[in-house]
N, C-alpha and C. Protein backbone atom coordinates (compact mmCIF):
# COMPACT_ATOMS: atom_id res chain seq x y z
N MET A 1 0.85 -1.17 0.00
CA MET A 1 0.00 0.00 0.00
C MET A 1 0.89 1.24 0.00
N ASN A 2 0.57 2.21 -0.81
CA ASN A 2 1.33 3.46 -0.90
C ASN A 2 0.35 4.61 -0.71
N LYS A 3 0.25 5.10 0.53
CA LYS A 3 -0.70 6.17 0.85
C LYS A 3 -0.04 7.15 1.80
N TRP A 4 -0.12 8.44 1.48
CA TRP A 4 0.42 9.47 2.35
C TRP A 4 -0.67 10.47 2.65
N CYS A 5 -0.86 10.79 3.93
CA CYS A 5 -1.82 11.81 4.36
C CYS A 5 -1.06 12.82 5.20
N GLY A 6 -1.32 14.09 4.97
CA GLY A 6 -0.63 15.10 5.74
C GLY A 6 -1.34 16.43 5.71
N VAL A 7 -1.01 17.25 6.70
CA VAL A 7 -1.52 18.61 6.79
C VAL A 7 -0.32 19.52 6.99
N GLY A 8 -0.25 20.58 6.21
CA GLY A 8 0.85 21.51 6.34
C GLY A 8 0.51 22.85 5.73
N ARG A 9 1.52 23.73 5.68
CA ARG A 9 1.34 25.06 5.10
C ARG A 9 2.13 25.17 3.81
N LEU A 10 1.52 25.81 2.82
CA LEU A 10 2.22 26.06 1.56
C LEU A 10 3.33 27.06 1.82
N ILE A 11 4.54 26.75 1.37
CA ILE A 11 5.66 27.66 1.63
C ILE A 11 5.79 28.74 0.56
N LYS A 12 5.11 28.55 -0.58
CA LYS A 12 5.06 29.59 -1.62
C LYS A 12 3.82 29.35 -2.47
N GLU A 13 3.54 30.23 -3.39
CA GLU A 13 2.37 30.09 -4.25
C GLU A 13 2.45 28.80 -5.07
N PRO A 14 1.35 28.07 -5.20
CA PRO A 14 1.35 26.89 -6.07
C PRO A 14 1.67 27.31 -7.50
N ASP A 15 2.40 26.46 -8.21
CA ASP A 15 2.86 26.78 -9.55
C ASP A 15 2.09 25.92 -10.57
N LEU A 16 1.08 26.51 -11.22
CA LEU A 16 0.26 25.79 -12.19
C LEU A 16 0.91 25.89 -13.56
N LYS A 17 1.14 24.73 -14.18
CA LYS A 17 1.74 24.65 -15.51
C LYS A 17 0.98 23.62 -16.33
N GLN A 18 1.41 23.45 -17.59
CA GLN A 18 0.83 22.44 -18.46
C GLN A 18 1.95 21.66 -19.13
N THR A 19 1.67 20.37 -19.37
CA THR A 19 2.61 19.56 -20.12
C THR A 19 2.49 19.96 -21.59
N GLN A 20 3.34 19.41 -22.44
CA GLN A 20 3.25 19.68 -23.88
C GLN A 20 1.92 19.21 -24.44
N ALA A 21 1.31 18.22 -23.80
CA ALA A 21 0.01 17.71 -24.23
C ALA A 21 -1.15 18.49 -23.61
N GLN A 22 -0.85 19.66 -23.01
CA GLN A 22 -1.84 20.55 -22.40
C GLN A 22 -2.51 19.95 -21.16
N LYS A 23 -1.84 19.06 -20.46
CA LYS A 23 -2.35 18.46 -19.23
C LYS A 23 -1.90 19.33 -18.05
N PRO A 24 -2.84 19.91 -17.28
CA PRO A 24 -2.44 20.80 -16.18
C PRO A 24 -1.84 20.03 -15.00
N TYR A 25 -0.81 20.63 -14.43
CA TYR A 25 -0.24 20.10 -13.20
C TYR A 25 0.20 21.25 -12.32
N CYS A 26 0.25 21.00 -11.03
CA CYS A 26 0.58 22.03 -10.06
C CYS A 26 1.63 21.46 -9.11
N ALA A 27 2.77 22.12 -9.05
CA ALA A 27 3.84 21.72 -8.14
C ALA A 27 3.88 22.68 -6.97
N PHE A 28 4.07 22.15 -5.77
CA PHE A 28 4.14 22.99 -4.58
C PHE A 28 4.83 22.23 -3.47
N THR A 29 5.21 22.96 -2.43
CA THR A 29 5.87 22.37 -1.27
C THR A 29 5.08 22.73 -0.03
N VAL A 30 4.93 21.73 0.85
CA VAL A 30 4.17 21.90 2.08
C VAL A 30 5.12 21.70 3.26
N ALA A 31 5.10 22.63 4.22
CA ALA A 31 5.86 22.49 5.45
C ALA A 31 4.97 21.77 6.47
N VAL A 32 5.44 20.60 6.90
CA VAL A 32 4.68 19.77 7.84
C VAL A 32 5.45 19.72 9.16
N ASP A 33 4.81 20.18 10.24
CA ASP A 33 5.46 20.17 11.54
C ASP A 33 5.70 18.75 12.02
N ARG A 34 6.85 18.56 12.65
CA ARG A 34 7.13 17.29 13.29
C ARG A 34 6.36 17.23 14.61
N LYS A 35 6.18 16.04 15.11
CA LYS A 35 5.36 15.83 16.31
C LYS A 35 6.01 16.40 17.57
N PHE A 36 7.34 16.33 17.64
CA PHE A 36 8.03 16.73 18.86
C PHE A 36 8.85 18.00 18.65
N LYS A 37 9.10 18.71 19.75
CA LYS A 37 9.93 19.91 19.71
C LYS A 37 11.39 19.52 19.90
N ASP A 38 12.30 20.39 19.42
CA ASP A 38 13.73 20.14 19.59
C ASP A 38 14.19 20.56 20.98
N ALA A 39 15.50 20.49 21.23
CA ALA A 39 16.06 20.82 22.55
C ALA A 39 15.79 22.26 22.95
N ASN A 40 15.58 23.15 21.97
CA ASN A 40 15.29 24.56 22.26
C ASN A 40 13.81 24.85 22.39
N GLY A 41 12.98 23.81 22.32
CA GLY A 41 11.54 23.99 22.44
C GLY A 41 10.86 24.42 21.15
N GLN A 42 11.59 24.36 20.05
CA GLN A 42 11.05 24.76 18.75
C GLN A 42 10.58 23.54 17.97
N ARG A 43 9.51 23.73 17.21
CA ARG A 43 9.05 22.66 16.32
C ARG A 43 9.87 22.69 15.05
N GLN A 44 10.29 21.52 14.63
CA GLN A 44 10.98 21.37 13.35
C GLN A 44 9.92 21.01 12.30
N ALA A 45 10.24 21.25 11.05
CA ALA A 45 9.30 20.94 9.97
C ALA A 45 10.02 20.17 8.88
N ASP A 46 9.26 19.33 8.21
CA ASP A 46 9.75 18.67 7.01
C ASP A 46 9.08 19.36 5.83
N PHE A 47 9.82 19.50 4.74
CA PHE A 47 9.30 20.17 3.55
C PHE A 47 9.01 19.12 2.50
N ILE A 48 7.73 18.91 2.24
CA ILE A 48 7.27 17.83 1.37
C ILE A 48 6.93 18.40 -0.01
N THR A 49 7.61 17.90 -1.02
CA THR A 49 7.35 18.30 -2.40
C THR A 49 6.14 17.53 -2.91
N CYS A 50 5.21 18.25 -3.53
CA CYS A 50 3.97 17.65 -4.01
C CYS A 50 3.69 18.05 -5.45
N VAL A 51 2.94 17.20 -6.15
CA VAL A 51 2.48 17.52 -7.50
C VAL A 51 1.05 17.00 -7.63
N ALA A 52 0.19 17.84 -8.20
CA ALA A 52 -1.20 17.46 -8.46
C ALA A 52 -1.47 17.61 -9.95
N TRP A 53 -2.41 16.85 -10.46
CA TRP A 53 -2.72 16.84 -11.88
C TRP A 53 -4.19 17.17 -12.14
N ASN A 54 -4.46 17.66 -13.32
CA ASN A 54 -5.81 17.88 -13.83
C ASN A 54 -6.66 18.77 -12.93
N GLN A 55 -7.88 18.33 -12.57
CA GLN A 55 -8.79 19.17 -11.80
C GLN A 55 -8.24 19.49 -10.41
N THR A 56 -7.53 18.54 -9.83
CA THR A 56 -6.95 18.78 -8.51
C THR A 56 -5.90 19.89 -8.60
N ALA A 57 -5.13 19.90 -9.66
CA ALA A 57 -4.13 20.96 -9.87
C ALA A 57 -4.81 22.32 -10.01
N ASN A 58 -5.86 22.39 -10.80
CA ASN A 58 -6.59 23.64 -10.99
C ASN A 58 -7.20 24.13 -9.68
N PHE A 59 -7.77 23.21 -8.90
CA PHE A 59 -8.38 23.53 -7.61
C PHE A 59 -7.35 24.13 -6.65
N ILE A 60 -6.20 23.49 -6.53
CA ILE A 60 -5.16 23.97 -5.62
C ILE A 60 -4.64 25.33 -6.06
N ALA A 61 -4.36 25.48 -7.34
CA ALA A 61 -3.82 26.75 -7.84
C ALA A 61 -4.81 27.90 -7.65
N LYS A 62 -6.09 27.61 -7.74
CA LYS A 62 -7.10 28.67 -7.64
C LYS A 62 -7.42 29.07 -6.20
N TYR A 63 -7.48 28.10 -5.30
CA TYR A 63 -7.99 28.38 -3.95
C TYR A 63 -6.95 28.38 -2.84
N PHE A 64 -5.72 27.97 -3.10
CA PHE A 64 -4.71 27.94 -2.06
C PHE A 64 -3.56 28.88 -2.40
N HIS A 65 -3.04 29.52 -1.36
CA HIS A 65 -1.96 30.49 -1.54
C HIS A 65 -0.89 30.28 -0.47
N LYS A 66 0.23 30.94 -0.65
CA LYS A 66 1.33 30.86 0.29
C LYS A 66 0.81 31.07 1.72
N GLY A 67 1.21 30.18 2.62
CA GLY A 67 0.82 30.29 4.02
C GLY A 67 -0.46 29.57 4.39
N ASN A 68 -1.29 29.21 3.41
CA ASN A 68 -2.53 28.47 3.70
C ASN A 68 -2.20 27.06 4.18
N ARG A 69 -3.02 26.59 5.12
CA ARG A 69 -2.93 25.18 5.52
C ARG A 69 -3.72 24.36 4.52
N ILE A 70 -3.20 23.19 4.20
CA ILE A 70 -3.82 22.31 3.22
C ILE A 70 -3.72 20.87 3.71
N GLY A 71 -4.79 20.13 3.52
CA GLY A 71 -4.79 18.70 3.81
C GLY A 71 -4.61 17.94 2.51
N ILE A 72 -3.74 16.95 2.52
CA ILE A 72 -3.41 16.23 1.29
C ILE A 72 -3.48 14.73 1.53
N VAL A 73 -4.03 14.03 0.55
CA VAL A 73 -3.98 12.57 0.49
C VAL A 73 -3.39 12.22 -0.86
N GLY A 74 -2.42 11.34 -0.86
CA GLY A 74 -1.79 10.96 -2.13
C GLY A 74 -0.88 9.77 -1.94
N SER A 75 0.01 9.59 -2.89
CA SER A 75 0.97 8.48 -2.83
C SER A 75 2.38 9.03 -3.07
N ILE A 76 3.35 8.33 -2.52
CA ILE A 76 4.74 8.74 -2.67
C ILE A 76 5.29 8.14 -3.97
N GLN A 77 5.98 8.99 -4.70
CA GLN A 77 6.55 8.56 -5.98
C GLN A 77 7.99 9.04 -6.05
N THR A 78 8.85 8.22 -6.63
CA THR A 78 10.24 8.63 -6.85
C THR A 78 10.51 8.68 -8.35
N ARG A 79 11.44 9.54 -8.73
CA ARG A 79 11.86 9.65 -10.13
C ARG A 79 13.26 10.22 -10.15
N SER A 80 13.89 10.15 -11.30
CA SER A 80 15.23 10.70 -11.44
C SER A 80 15.42 11.28 -12.83
N TYR A 81 16.40 12.17 -12.95
CA TYR A 81 16.75 12.76 -14.24
C TYR A 81 18.21 13.20 -14.19
N GLU A 82 18.78 13.46 -15.36
CA GLU A 82 20.16 13.92 -15.47
C GLU A 82 20.20 15.44 -15.52
N LYS A 83 21.13 16.02 -14.73
CA LYS A 83 21.34 17.47 -14.77
C LYS A 83 22.83 17.72 -14.64
N ASP A 84 23.39 18.35 -15.65
CA ASP A 84 24.82 18.66 -15.67
C ASP A 84 25.68 17.40 -15.42
N GLY A 85 25.24 16.28 -16.03
CA GLY A 85 25.99 15.04 -15.90
C GLY A 85 25.78 14.30 -14.59
N GLN A 86 24.98 14.84 -13.71
CA GLN A 86 24.70 14.22 -12.42
C GLN A 86 23.26 13.70 -12.41
N LYS A 87 23.06 12.55 -11.80
CA LYS A 87 21.72 11.99 -11.66
C LYS A 87 21.07 12.62 -10.44
N VAL A 88 19.88 13.19 -10.63
CA VAL A 88 19.13 13.83 -9.55
C VAL A 88 17.93 12.95 -9.23
N PHE A 89 17.76 12.63 -7.94
CA PHE A 89 16.64 11.81 -7.49
C PHE A 89 15.63 12.69 -6.77
N ILE A 90 14.36 12.45 -7.04
CA ILE A 90 13.28 13.24 -6.43
C ILE A 90 12.27 12.28 -5.81
N THR A 91 11.85 12.61 -4.60
CA THR A 91 10.75 11.92 -3.94
C THR A 91 9.67 12.96 -3.73
N GLU A 92 8.45 12.65 -4.15
CA GLU A 92 7.36 13.62 -4.04
C GLU A 92 6.04 12.90 -3.78
N VAL A 93 5.07 13.65 -3.30
CA VAL A 93 3.72 13.12 -3.11
C VAL A 93 2.90 13.49 -4.33
N VAL A 94 2.30 12.49 -4.95
CA VAL A 94 1.37 12.72 -6.05
C VAL A 94 -0.01 12.85 -5.40
N VAL A 95 -0.58 14.04 -5.49
CA VAL A 95 -1.81 14.37 -4.75
C VAL A 95 -3.04 13.78 -5.44
N ASP A 96 -3.81 13.02 -4.67
CA ASP A 96 -5.10 12.51 -5.14
C ASP A 96 -6.24 13.40 -4.65
N GLU A 97 -6.10 13.92 -3.43
CA GLU A 97 -7.13 14.76 -2.82
C GLU A 97 -6.47 15.92 -2.09
N ALA A 98 -7.13 17.07 -2.13
CA ALA A 98 -6.67 18.24 -1.37
C ALA A 98 -7.90 18.86 -0.71
N GLU A 99 -7.73 19.29 0.54
CA GLU A 99 -8.86 19.85 1.29
C GLU A 99 -8.45 21.11 2.03
N PHE A 100 -9.46 21.96 2.28
CA PHE A 100 -9.27 23.11 3.15
C PHE A 100 -9.15 22.59 4.58
N VAL A 101 -8.19 23.12 5.33
CA VAL A 101 -8.02 22.73 6.72
C VAL A 101 -8.49 23.84 7.64
N GLU A 102 -8.40 25.06 7.16
CA GLU A 102 -8.86 26.21 7.93
C GLU A 102 -9.66 27.10 7.01
N SER A 103 -10.52 27.88 7.60
CA SER A 103 -11.29 28.80 6.76
C SER A 103 -10.39 29.94 6.33
N ALA A 104 -10.69 30.49 5.17
CA ALA A 104 -9.94 31.64 4.67
C ALA A 104 -10.17 32.80 5.63
N SER A 105 -9.17 33.65 5.79
CA SER A 105 -9.27 34.74 6.76
C SER A 105 -10.43 35.68 6.45
N ASN A 106 -10.74 35.87 5.17
CA ASN A 106 -11.85 36.73 4.83
C ASN A 106 -13.01 35.97 4.20
N GLY A 107 -12.90 34.65 4.14
CA GLY A 107 -13.98 33.83 3.62
C GLY A 107 -14.14 33.84 2.12
N GLU A 108 -13.28 34.54 1.39
CA GLU A 108 -13.44 34.65 -0.06
C GLU A 108 -13.29 33.32 -0.77
N ALA A 109 -12.29 32.52 -0.40
CA ALA A 109 -12.04 31.27 -1.12
C ALA A 109 -13.23 30.33 -1.03
N LYS A 110 -13.80 30.18 0.17
CA LYS A 110 -14.94 29.28 0.32
C LYS A 110 -16.17 29.85 -0.37
N ALA A 111 -16.36 31.16 -0.30
CA ALA A 111 -17.51 31.77 -0.97
C ALA A 111 -17.42 31.57 -2.47
N GLU A 112 -16.21 31.73 -3.04
CA GLU A 112 -16.03 31.51 -4.47
C GLU A 112 -16.29 30.06 -4.82
N ALA A 113 -15.80 29.14 -3.98
CA ALA A 113 -15.99 27.71 -4.26
C ALA A 113 -17.47 27.36 -4.23
N LYS A 114 -18.21 27.90 -3.26
CA LYS A 114 -19.64 27.62 -3.18
C LYS A 114 -20.37 28.25 -4.36
N THR A 115 -19.98 29.44 -4.76
CA THR A 115 -20.62 30.10 -5.88
C THR A 115 -20.43 29.30 -7.16
N GLU A 116 -19.20 28.83 -7.38
CA GLU A 116 -18.93 28.07 -8.60
C GLU A 116 -19.63 26.72 -8.60
N ALA A 117 -19.78 26.11 -7.42
CA ALA A 117 -20.38 24.79 -7.35
C ALA A 117 -21.90 24.84 -7.44
N LYS A 118 -22.48 26.00 -7.19
CA LYS A 118 -23.93 26.13 -7.18
C LYS A 118 -24.47 26.18 -8.61
N PRO A 119 -25.40 25.28 -8.96
CA PRO A 119 -25.96 25.30 -10.31
C PRO A 119 -26.83 26.53 -10.52
N SER A 120 -26.96 26.96 -11.76
CA SER A 120 -27.82 28.10 -12.04
C SER A 120 -29.26 27.69 -11.88
N SER A 121 -30.17 28.67 -11.68
CA SER A 121 -31.57 28.37 -11.41
C SER A 121 -32.25 27.67 -12.59
N ASP A 122 -31.77 27.90 -13.83
CA ASP A 122 -32.39 27.22 -14.96
C ASP A 122 -31.98 25.76 -15.08
N GLU A 123 -30.95 25.34 -14.29
CA GLU A 123 -30.55 23.94 -14.26
C GLU A 123 -31.30 23.17 -13.19
N MET A 124 -31.95 23.88 -12.27
CA MET A 124 -32.63 23.24 -11.16
C MET A 124 -34.14 23.22 -11.41
N PRO A 125 -34.81 22.13 -11.05
CA PRO A 125 -36.27 22.06 -11.23
C PRO A 125 -37.01 22.86 -10.17
N PHE A 126 -36.30 23.45 -9.21
CA PHE A 126 -36.90 24.26 -8.16
C PHE A 126 -35.97 25.42 -7.86
N GLU A 127 -36.47 26.41 -7.13
CA GLU A 127 -35.65 27.57 -6.79
C GLU A 127 -34.83 27.32 -5.55
N ILE A 128 -33.66 27.93 -5.52
CA ILE A 128 -32.77 27.78 -4.38
C ILE A 128 -32.92 28.97 -3.47
């Protein structure tokens, strides 16, 4: 079984891009606090590299920003490539699900999400 679940903060803005085949993907890094504090009483964090594809990528890029907490479910994947004659190895989480962990400070992100998800009145057999 390959399943990773975590909650952390985005350390910078999610980066939405497209492959040559126009497939959207979003790369980002999440700072996840460790369970215990160090000798100085400070929490240490691990920085988890993540990538999301398609609708999940669009969702993350639109509604999450630097500093937001995000809940992620996905799987761990490794890959490698050559750079300047050196082999570079990468371990990342491929995101299957992303969730809001805290409400937006001004409520805009959730209000926008609800507005977009709400069908228009001509699509509904009754009024909302």
